[in-house]
């Protein structure tokens, strides 16, 4: 799969990590996060576009936007992994 804004946003939407969409948030709820994740991932060379690096990028962006602790991020790693697998 190509790393594009629409693909990243779709993956975040499908996973709904924070459950915000299920609570009725607008469909573009994760757009700012998707934009930052896409920007970071598109700077990686093909050989650095690994599951571990995608998870690291998502983790950093998520911690920034949701002001999460390391423990909070750790709890979300399975969801980040599913998103990374979806994108790769």
PDB file of N, CA and C in Angstrom:
ATOM      1  N   UNK A   1       0.836  -1.182   0.000  1.00  0.00           N
ATOM      2  CA  UNK A   1       0.000   0.000   0.000  1.00  0.00           C
ATOM      3  C   UNK A   1       0.881   1.245   0.000  1.00  0.00           C
ATOM      4  N   UNK A   2       0.433   2.248  -0.683  1.00  0.00           N
ATOM      5  CA  UNK A   2       1.140   3.509  -0.726  1.00  0.00           C
ATOM      6  C   UNK A   2       0.812   4.326   0.517  1.00  0.00           C
ATOM      7  N   UNK A   3       1.840   4.982   1.053  1.00  0.00           N
ATOM      8  CA  UNK A   3       1.608   5.865   2.189  1.00  0.00           C
ATOM      9  C   UNK A   3       1.071   7.180   1.645  1.00  0.00           C
ATOM     10  N   UNK A   4      -0.205   7.408   1.856  1.00  0.00           N
ATOM     11  CA  UNK A   4      -0.845   8.654   1.432  1.00  0.00           C
ATOM     12  C   UNK A   4      -1.728   9.133   2.569  1.00  0.00           C
ATOM     13  N   UNK A   5      -2.083  10.393   2.510  1.00  0.00           N
ATOM     14  CA  UNK A   5      -2.942  10.954   3.547  1.00  0.00           C
ATOM     15  C   UNK A   5      -4.257  10.187   3.638  1.00  0.00           C
ATOM     16  N   UNK A   6      -4.850   9.880   2.506  1.00  0.00           N
ATOM     17  CA  UNK A   6      -6.143   9.178   2.545  1.00  0.00           C
ATOM     18  C   UNK A   6      -5.997   7.773   3.123  1.00  0.00           C
ATOM     19  N   UNK A   7      -4.892   7.087   2.814  1.00  0.00           N
ATOM     20  CA  UNK A   7      -4.673   5.747   3.375  1.00  0.00           C
ATOM     21  C   UNK A   7      -4.452   5.804   4.882  1.00  0.00           C
ATOM     22  N   UNK A   8      -3.656   6.765   5.333  1.00  0.00           N
ATOM     23  CA  UNK A   8      -3.404   6.899   6.766  1.00  0.00           C
ATOM     24  C   UNK A   8      -4.695   7.267   7.479  1.00  0.00           C
ATOM     25  N   UNK A   9      -5.427   8.231   6.927  1.00  0.00           N
ATOM     26  CA  UNK A   9      -6.681   8.634   7.562  1.00  0.00           C
ATOM     27  C   UNK A   9      -7.674   7.472   7.608  1.00  0.00           C
ATOM     28  N   UNK A  10      -7.752   6.690   6.550  1.00  0.00           N
ATOM     29  CA  UNK A  10      -8.646   5.523   6.525  1.00  0.00           C
ATOM     30  C   UNK A  10      -8.255   4.494   7.579  1.00  0.00           C
ATOM     31  N   UNK A  11      -6.944   4.279   7.726  1.00  0.00           N
ATOM     32  CA  UNK A  11      -6.471   3.311   8.721  1.00  0.00           C
ATOM     33  C   UNK A  11      -6.789   3.787  10.142  1.00  0.00           C
ATOM     34  N   UNK A  12      -6.602   5.081  10.391  1.00  0.00           N
ATOM     35  CA  UNK A  12      -6.930   5.627  11.704  1.00  0.00           C
ATOM     36  C   UNK A  12      -8.432   5.569  11.959  1.00  0.00           C
ATOM     37  N   UNK A  13      -9.211   5.883  10.943  1.00  0.00           N
ATOM     38  CA  UNK A  13     -10.664   5.845  11.038  1.00  0.00           C
ATOM     39  C   UNK A  13     -11.136   4.424  11.363  1.00  0.00           C
ATOM     40  N   UNK A  14     -10.597   3.448  10.652  1.00  0.00           N
ATOM     41  CA  UNK A  14     -10.994   2.051  10.860  1.00  0.00           C
ATOM     42  C   UNK A  14     -10.655   1.573  12.267  1.00  0.00           C
ATOM     43  N   UNK A  15      -9.524   2.002  12.775  1.00  0.00           N
ATOM     44  CA  UNK A  15      -9.079   1.552  14.104  1.00  0.00           C
ATOM     45  C   UNK A  15      -9.759   2.341  15.219  1.00  0.00           C
ATOM     46  N   UNK A  16     -10.044   3.615  14.997  1.00  0.00           N
ATOM     47  CA  UNK A  16     -10.679   4.490  16.000  1.00  0.00           C
ATOM     48  C   UNK A  16     -10.073   4.252  17.388  1.00  0.00           C
ATOM     49  N   UNK A  17      -8.783   4.469  17.487  1.00  0.00           N
ATOM     50  CA  UNK A  17      -8.001   4.154  18.683  1.00  0.00           C
ATOM     51  C   UNK A  17      -8.617   4.710  19.957  1.00  0.00           C
ATOM     52  N   UNK A  18      -9.081   5.931  19.915  1.00  0.00           N
ATOM     53  CA  UNK A  18      -9.624   6.575  21.118  1.00  0.00           C
ATOM     54  C   UNK A  18     -11.135   6.375  21.268  1.00  0.00           C
ATOM     55  N   UNK A  19     -11.748   5.713  20.302  1.00  0.00           N
ATOM     56  CA  UNK A  19     -13.184   5.477  20.381  1.00  0.00           C
ATOM     57  C   UNK A  19     -14.028   6.721  20.155  1.00  0.00           C
ATOM     58  N   UNK A  20     -13.424   7.752  19.591  1.00  0.00           N
ATOM     59  CA  UNK A  20     -14.123   9.023  19.408  1.00  0.00           C
ATOM     60  C   UNK A  20     -15.179   8.954  18.309  1.00  0.00           C
ATOM     61  N   UNK A  21     -14.882   8.225  17.251  1.00  0.00           N
ATOM     62  CA  UNK A  21     -15.850   8.102  16.163  1.00  0.00           C
ATOM     63  C   UNK A  21     -17.072   7.329  16.629  1.00  0.00           C
ATOM     64  N   UNK A  22     -16.839   6.314  17.449  1.00  0.00           N
ATOM     65  CA  UNK A  22     -17.939   5.533  17.998  1.00  0.00           C
ATOM     66  C   UNK A  22     -18.834   6.382  18.901  1.00  0.00           C
ATOM     67  N   UNK A  23     -18.261   7.438  19.458  1.00  0.00           N
ATOM     68  CA  UNK A  23     -19.027   8.338  20.321  1.00  0.00           C
ATOM     69  C   UNK A  23     -19.715   9.452  19.543  1.00  0.00           C
ATOM     70  N   UNK A  24     -19.541   9.453  18.217  1.00  0.00           N
ATOM     71  CA  UNK A  24     -20.217  10.437  17.394  1.00  0.00           C
ATOM     72  C   UNK A  24     -19.359  11.588  16.904  1.00  0.00           C
ATOM     73  N   UNK A  25     -18.050  11.507  17.082  1.00  0.00           N
ATOM     74  CA  UNK A  25     -17.165  12.554  16.576  1.00  0.00           C
ATOM     75  C   UNK A  25     -17.270  12.607  15.051  1.00  0.00           C
ATOM     76  N   UNK A  26     -16.961  13.755  14.464  1.00  0.00           N
ATOM     77  CA  UNK A  26     -17.035  13.869  13.001  1.00  0.00           C
ATOM     78  C   UNK A  26     -16.028  12.946  12.305  1.00  0.00           C
ATOM     79  N   UNK A  27     -16.332  12.626  11.060  1.00  0.00           N
ATOM     80  CA  UNK A  27     -15.497  11.701  10.287  1.00  0.00           C
ATOM     81  C   UNK A  27     -14.059  12.174  10.120  1.00  0.00           C
ATOM     82  N   UNK A  28     -13.824  13.472  10.258  1.00  0.00           N
ATOM     83  CA  UNK A  28     -12.463  13.987  10.102  1.00  0.00           C
ATOM     84  C   UNK A  28     -11.744  14.143  11.443  1.00  0.00           C
ATOM     85  N   UNK A  29     -12.223  13.468  12.460  1.00  0.00           N
ATOM     86  CA  UNK A  29     -11.679  13.584  13.816  1.00  0.00           C
ATOM     87  C   UNK A  29     -10.167  13.371  13.861  1.00  0.00           C
ATOM     88  N   UNK A  30      -9.667  12.402  13.124  1.00  0.00           N
ATOM     89  CA  UNK A  30      -8.249  12.069  13.180  1.00  0.00           C
ATOM     90  C   UNK A  30      -7.441  12.695  12.038  1.00  0.00           C
ATOM     91  N   UNK A  31      -8.017  13.659  11.334  1.00  0.00           N
ATOM     92  CA  UNK A  31      -7.317  14.272  10.202  1.00  0.00           C
ATOM     93  C   UNK A  31      -5.999  14.941  10.592  1.00  0.00           C
ATOM     94  N   UNK A  32      -5.941  15.762  11.653  1.00  0.00           N
ATOM     95  CA  UNK A  32      -4.655  16.386  11.999  1.00  0.00           C
ATOM     96  C   UNK A  32      -3.562  15.352  12.303  1.00  0.00           C
ATOM     97  N   UNK A  33      -3.950  14.302  12.989  1.00  0.00           N
ATOM     98  CA  UNK A  33      -2.983  13.243  13.303  1.00  0.00           C
ATOM     99  C   UNK A  33      -2.547  12.537  12.023  1.00  0.00           C
ATOM    100  N   UNK A  34      -3.504  12.249  11.150  1.00  0.00           N
ATOM    101  CA  UNK A  34      -3.187  11.586   9.878  1.00  0.00           C
ATOM    102  C   UNK A  34      -2.236  12.434   9.045  1.00  0.00           C
ATOM    103  N   UNK A  35      -2.467  13.731   9.057  1.00  0.00           N
ATOM    104  CA  UNK A  35      -1.613  14.652   8.286  1.00  0.00           C
ATOM    105  C   UNK A  35      -0.169  14.610   8.804  1.00  0.00           C
ATOM    106  N   UNK A  36       0.009  14.669  10.113  1.00  0.00           N
ATOM    107  CA  UNK A  36       1.360  14.625  10.690  1.00  0.00           C
ATOM    108  C   UNK A  36       2.022  13.269  10.495  1.00  0.00           C
ATOM    109  N   UNK A  37       1.255  12.203  10.651  1.00  0.00           N
ATOM    110  CA  UNK A  37       1.808  10.857  10.450  1.00  0.00           C
ATOM    111  C   UNK A  37       2.256  10.695   9.006  1.00  0.00           C
ATOM    112  N   UNK A  38       1.421  11.114   8.073  1.00  0.00           N
ATOM    113  CA  UNK A  38       1.762  11.010   6.647  1.00  0.00           C
ATOM    114  C   UNK A  38       3.010  11.817   6.331  1.00  0.00           C
ATOM    115  N   UNK A  39       3.063  13.033   6.837  1.00  0.00           N
ATOM    116  CA  UNK A  39       4.235  13.882   6.582  1.00  0.00           C
ATOM    117  C   UNK A  39       5.510  13.211   7.079  1.00  0.00           C
ATOM    118  N   UNK A  40       5.465  12.623   8.252  1.00  0.00           N
ATOM    119  CA  UNK A  40       6.656  11.964   8.807  1.00  0.00           C
ATOM    120  C   UNK A  40       7.010  10.705   8.012  1.00  0.00           C
ATOM    121  N   UNK A  41       6.014   9.908   7.680  1.00  0.00           N
ATOM    122  CA  UNK A  41       6.295   8.648   6.982  1.00  0.00           C
ATOM    123  C   UNK A  41       6.817   8.870   5.564  1.00  0.00           C
ATOM    124  N   UNK A  42       6.352   9.912   4.904  1.00  0.00           N
ATOM    125  CA  UNK A  42       6.803  10.140   3.532  1.00  0.00           C
ATOM    126  C   UNK A  42       8.239  10.642   3.467  1.00  0.00           C
ATOM    127  N   UNK A  43       8.807  11.004   4.610  1.00  0.00           N
ATOM    128  CA  UNK A  43      10.218  11.399   4.622  1.00  0.00           C
ATOM    129  C   UNK A  43      11.145  10.197   4.778  1.00  0.00           C
ATOM    130  N   UNK A  44      10.577   9.048   5.143  1.00  0.00           N
ATOM    131  CA  UNK A  44      11.404   7.854   5.338  1.00  0.00           C
ATOM    132  C   UNK A  44      11.739   7.201   4.001  1.00  0.00           C
ATOM    133  N   UNK A  45      12.964   6.761   3.872  1.00  0.00           N
ATOM    134  CA  UNK A  45      13.341   6.004   2.673  1.00  0.00           C
ATOM    135  C   UNK A  45      12.632   4.653   2.727  1.00  0.00           C
ATOM    136  N   UNK A  46      12.538   4.011   1.579  1.00  0.00           N
ATOM    137  CA  UNK A  46      11.816   2.739   1.484  1.00  0.00           C
ATOM    138  C   UNK A  46      12.350   1.694   2.460  1.00  0.00           C
ATOM    139  N   UNK A  47      13.664   1.640   2.637  1.00  0.00           N
ATOM    140  CA  UNK A  47      14.243   0.642   3.533  1.00  0.00           C
ATOM    141  C   UNK A  47      14.003   0.968   5.009  1.00  0.00           C
ATOM    142  N   UNK A  48      13.641   2.203   5.320  1.00  0.00           N
ATOM    143  CA  UNK A  48      13.344   2.587   6.713  1.00  0.00           C
ATOM    144  C   UNK A  48      11.845   2.574   7.013  1.00  0.00           C
ATOM    145  N   UNK A  49      11.053   2.264   5.993  1.00  0.00           N
ATOM    146  CA  UNK A  49       9.607   2.193   6.162  1.00  0.00           C
ATOM    147  C   UNK A  49       9.248   0.798   6.682  1.00  0.00           C
ATOM    148  N   UNK A  50       9.529   0.592   7.962  1.00  0.00           N
ATOM    149  CA  UNK A  50       9.295  -0.689   8.615  1.00  0.00           C
ATOM    150  C   UNK A  50       8.144  -0.562   9.609  1.00  0.00           C
ATOM    151  N   UNK A  51       7.634  -1.700  10.023  1.00  0.00           N
ATOM    152  CA  UNK A  51       6.559  -1.699  11.014  1.00  0.00           C
ATOM    153  C   UNK A  51       6.989  -0.958  12.283  1.00  0.00           C
ATOM    154  N   UNK A  52       8.189  -1.231  12.742  1.00  0.00           N
ATOM    155  CA  UNK A  52       8.678  -0.590  13.971  1.00  0.00           C
ATOM    156  C   UNK A  52       8.747   0.929  13.818  1.00  0.00           C
ATOM    157  N   UNK A  53       9.215   1.394  12.677  1.00  0.00           N
ATOM    158  CA  UNK A  53       9.313   2.844  12.467  1.00  0.00           C
ATOM    159  C   UNK A  53       7.941   3.495  12.310  1.00  0.00           C
ATOM    160  N   UNK A  54       7.017   2.804  11.661  1.00  0.00           N
ATOM    161  CA  UNK A  54       5.657   3.341  11.521  1.00  0.00           C
ATOM    162  C   UNK A  54       5.010   3.436  12.909  1.00  0.00           C
ATOM    163  N   UNK A  55       5.178   2.409  13.722  1.00  0.00           N
ATOM    164  CA  UNK A  55       4.643   2.432  15.088  1.00  0.00           C
ATOM    165  C   UNK A  55       5.263   3.584  15.881  1.00  0.00           C
ATOM    166  N   UNK A  56       6.555   3.795  15.723  1.00  0.00           N
ATOM    167  CA  UNK A  56       7.235   4.882  16.439  1.00  0.00           C
ATOM    168  C   UNK A  56       6.671   6.240  16.032  1.00  0.00           C
ATOM    169  N   UNK A  57       6.444   6.436  14.745  1.00  0.00           N
ATOM    170  CA  UNK A  57       5.889   7.702  14.264  1.00  0.00           C
ATOM    171  C   UNK A  57       4.479   7.905  14.821  1.00  0.00           C
ATOM    172  N   UNK A  58       3.644   6.886  14.719  1.00  0.00           N
ATOM    173  CA  UNK A  58       2.283   7.003  15.234  1.00  0.00           C
ATOM    174  C   UNK A  58       2.313   7.301  16.733  1.00  0.00           C
ATOM    175  N   UNK A  59       3.178   6.631  17.452  1.00  0.00           N
ATOM    176  CA  UNK A  59       3.295   6.837  18.901  1.00  0.00           C
ATOM    177  C   UNK A  59       3.647   8.280  19.233  1.00  0.00           C
ATOM    178  N   UNK A  60       4.605   8.830  18.517  1.00  0.00           N
ATOM    179  CA  UNK A  60       5.010  10.223  18.765  1.00  0.00           C
ATOM    180  C   UNK A  60       3.882  11.203  18.473  1.00  0.00           C
ATOM    181  N   UNK A  61       3.220  10.996  17.362  1.00  0.00           N
ATOM    182  CA  UNK A  61       2.121  11.885  16.990  1.00  0.00           C
ATOM    183  C   UNK A  61       0.971  11.743  17.997  1.00  0.00           C
ATOM    184  N   UNK A  62       0.675  10.534  18.377  1.00  0.00           N
ATOM    185  CA  UNK A  62      -0.434  10.296  19.308  1.00  0.00           C
ATOM    186  C   UNK A  62      -0.146  10.916  20.674  1.00  0.00           C
ATOM    187  N   UNK A  63       1.072  10.761  21.132  1.00  0.00           N
ATOM    188  CA  UNK A  63       1.459  11.342  22.427  1.00  0.00           C
ATOM    189  C   UNK A  63       1.315  12.863  22.384  1.00  0.00           C
ATOM    190  N   UNK A  64       1.678  13.452  21.261  1.00  0.00           N
ATOM    191  CA  UNK A  64       1.593  14.910  21.106  1.00  0.00           C
ATOM    192  C   UNK A  64       0.138  15.395  21.122  1.00  0.00           C
ATOM    193  N   UNK A  65      -0.706  14.792  20.312  1.00  0.00           N
ATOM    194  CA  UNK A  65      -2.071  15.273  20.171  1.00  0.00           C
ATOM    195  C   UNK A  65      -2.961  14.947  21.364  1.00  0.00           C
ATOM    196  N   UNK A  66      -2.710  13.818  21.980  1.00  0.00           N
ATOM    197  CA  UNK A  66      -3.589  13.395  23.075  1.00  0.00           C
ATOM    198  C   UNK A  66      -2.939  13.539  24.447  1.00  0.00           C
ATOM    199  N   UNK A  67      -1.723  14.115  24.465  1.00  0.00           N
ATOM    200  CA  UNK A  67      -0.992  14.353  25.713  1.00  0.00           C
ATOM    201  C   UNK A  67      -0.966  13.099  26.590  1.00  0.00           C
ATOM    202  N   UNK A  68      -0.446  12.027  26.017  1.00  0.00           N
ATOM    203  CA  UNK A  68      -0.440  10.722  26.671  1.00  0.00           C
ATOM    204  C   UNK A  68       0.904  10.415  27.315  1.00  0.00           C
ATOM    205  N   UNK A  69       0.854   9.679  28.399  1.00  0.00           N
ATOM    206  CA  UNK A  69       2.065   9.216  29.068  1.00  0.00           C
ATOM    207  C   UNK A  69       2.632   8.015  28.313  1.00  0.00           C
ATOM    208  N   UNK A  70       3.829   7.618  28.678  1.00  0.00           N
ATOM    209  CA  UNK A  70       4.425   6.423  28.075  1.00  0.00           C
ATOM    210  C   UNK A  70       3.557   5.195  28.325  1.00  0.00           C
ATOM    211  N   UNK A  71       2.980   5.095  29.524  1.00  0.00           N
ATOM    212  CA  UNK A  71       2.093   3.966  29.829  1.00  0.00           C
ATOM    213  C   UNK A  71       0.860   3.974  28.931  1.00  0.00           C
ATOM    214  N   UNK A  72       0.301   5.162  28.716  1.00  0.00           N
ATOM    215  CA  UNK A  72      -0.867   5.278  27.833  1.00  0.00           C
ATOM    216  C   UNK A  72      -0.513   4.857  26.409  1.00  0.00           C
ATOM    217  N   UNK A  73       0.653   5.267  25.949  1.00  0.00           N
ATOM    218  CA  UNK A  73       1.103   4.885  24.605  1.00  0.00           C
ATOM    219  C   UNK A  73       1.293   3.375  24.520  1.00  0.00           C
ATOM    220  N   UNK A  74       1.910   2.794  25.520  1.00  0.00           N
ATOM    221  CA  UNK A  74       2.131   1.335  25.533  1.00  0.00           C
ATOM    222  C   UNK A  74       0.820   0.576  25.377  1.00  0.00           C
ATOM    223  N   UNK A  75      -0.236   1.052  26.000  1.00  0.00           N
ATOM    224  CA  UNK A  75      -1.540   0.392  25.909  1.00  0.00           C
ATOM    225  C   UNK A  75      -2.106   0.439  24.490  1.00  0.00           C
ATOM    226  N   UNK A  76      -1.663   1.404  23.725  1.00  0.00           N
ATOM    227  CA  UNK A  76      -2.184   1.576  22.369  1.00  0.00           C
ATOM    228  C   UNK A  76      -1.314   0.912  21.298  1.00  0.00           C
ATOM    229  N   UNK A  77      -0.187   0.358  21.682  1.00  0.00           N
ATOM    230  CA  UNK A  77       0.730  -0.253  20.711  1.00  0.00           C
ATOM    231  C   UNK A  77       0.051  -1.321  19.854  1.00  0.00           C
ATOM    232  N   UNK A  78      -0.791  -2.198  20.399  1.00  0.00           N
ATOM    233  CA  UNK A  78      -1.453  -3.166  19.509  1.00  0.00           C
ATOM    234  C   UNK A  78      -2.268  -2.487  18.395  1.00  0.00           C
ATOM    235  N   UNK A  79      -2.939  -1.399  18.711  1.00  0.00           N
ATOM    236  CA  UNK A  79      -3.696  -0.665  17.685  1.00  0.00           C
ATOM    237  C   UNK A  79      -2.745  -0.012  16.687  1.00  0.00           C
ATOM    238  N   UNK A  80      -1.655   0.556  17.194  1.00  0.00           N
ATOM    239  CA  UNK A  80      -0.656   1.163  16.294  1.00  0.00           C
ATOM    240  C   UNK A  80      -0.076   0.099  15.374  1.00  0.00           C
ATOM    241  N   UNK A  81       0.142  -1.095  15.894  1.00  0.00           N
ATOM    242  CA  UNK A  81       0.704  -2.183  15.087  1.00  0.00           C
ATOM    243  C   UNK A  81      -0.270  -2.567  13.967  1.00  0.00           C
ATOM    244  N   UNK A  82      -1.547  -2.655  14.289  1.00  0.00           N
ATOM    245  CA  UNK A  82      -2.533  -2.987  13.262  1.00  0.00           C
ATOM    246  C   UNK A  82      -2.566  -1.917  12.161  1.00  0.00           C
ATOM    247  N   UNK A  83      -2.453  -0.658  12.565  1.00  0.00           N
ATOM    248  CA  UNK A  83      -2.426   0.427  11.580  1.00  0.00           C
ATOM    249  C   UNK A  83      -1.176   0.310  10.710  1.00  0.00           C
ATOM    250  N   UNK A  84      -0.040   0.061  11.329  1.00  0.00           N
ATOM    251  CA  UNK A  84       1.222  -0.078  10.578  1.00  0.00           C
ATOM    252  C   UNK A  84       1.106  -1.235   9.578  1.00  0.00           C
ATOM    253  N   UNK A  85       0.561  -2.348  10.018  1.00  0.00           N
ATOM    254  CA  UNK A  85       0.410  -3.493   9.124  1.00  0.00           C
ATOM    255  C   UNK A  85      -0.543  -3.166   7.974  1.00  0.00           C
ATOM    256  N   UNK A  86      -1.581  -2.412   8.276  1.00  0.00           N
ATOM    257  CA  UNK A  86      -2.527  -1.995   7.257  1.00  0.00           C
ATOM    258  C   UNK A  86      -1.844  -1.110   6.208  1.00  0.00           C
ATOM    259  N   UNK A  87      -0.965  -0.219   6.671  1.00  0.00           N
ATOM    260  CA  UNK A  87      -0.294   0.715   5.760  1.00  0.00           C
ATOM    261  C   UNK A  87       0.816   0.068   4.946  1.00  0.00           C
ATOM    262  N   UNK A  88       1.437  -0.939   5.522  1.00  0.00           N
ATOM    263  CA  UNK A  88       2.572  -1.562   4.837  1.00  0.00           C
ATOM    264  C   UNK A  88       2.095  -2.736   3.997  1.00  0.00           C
TER     265      UNK A  88
END
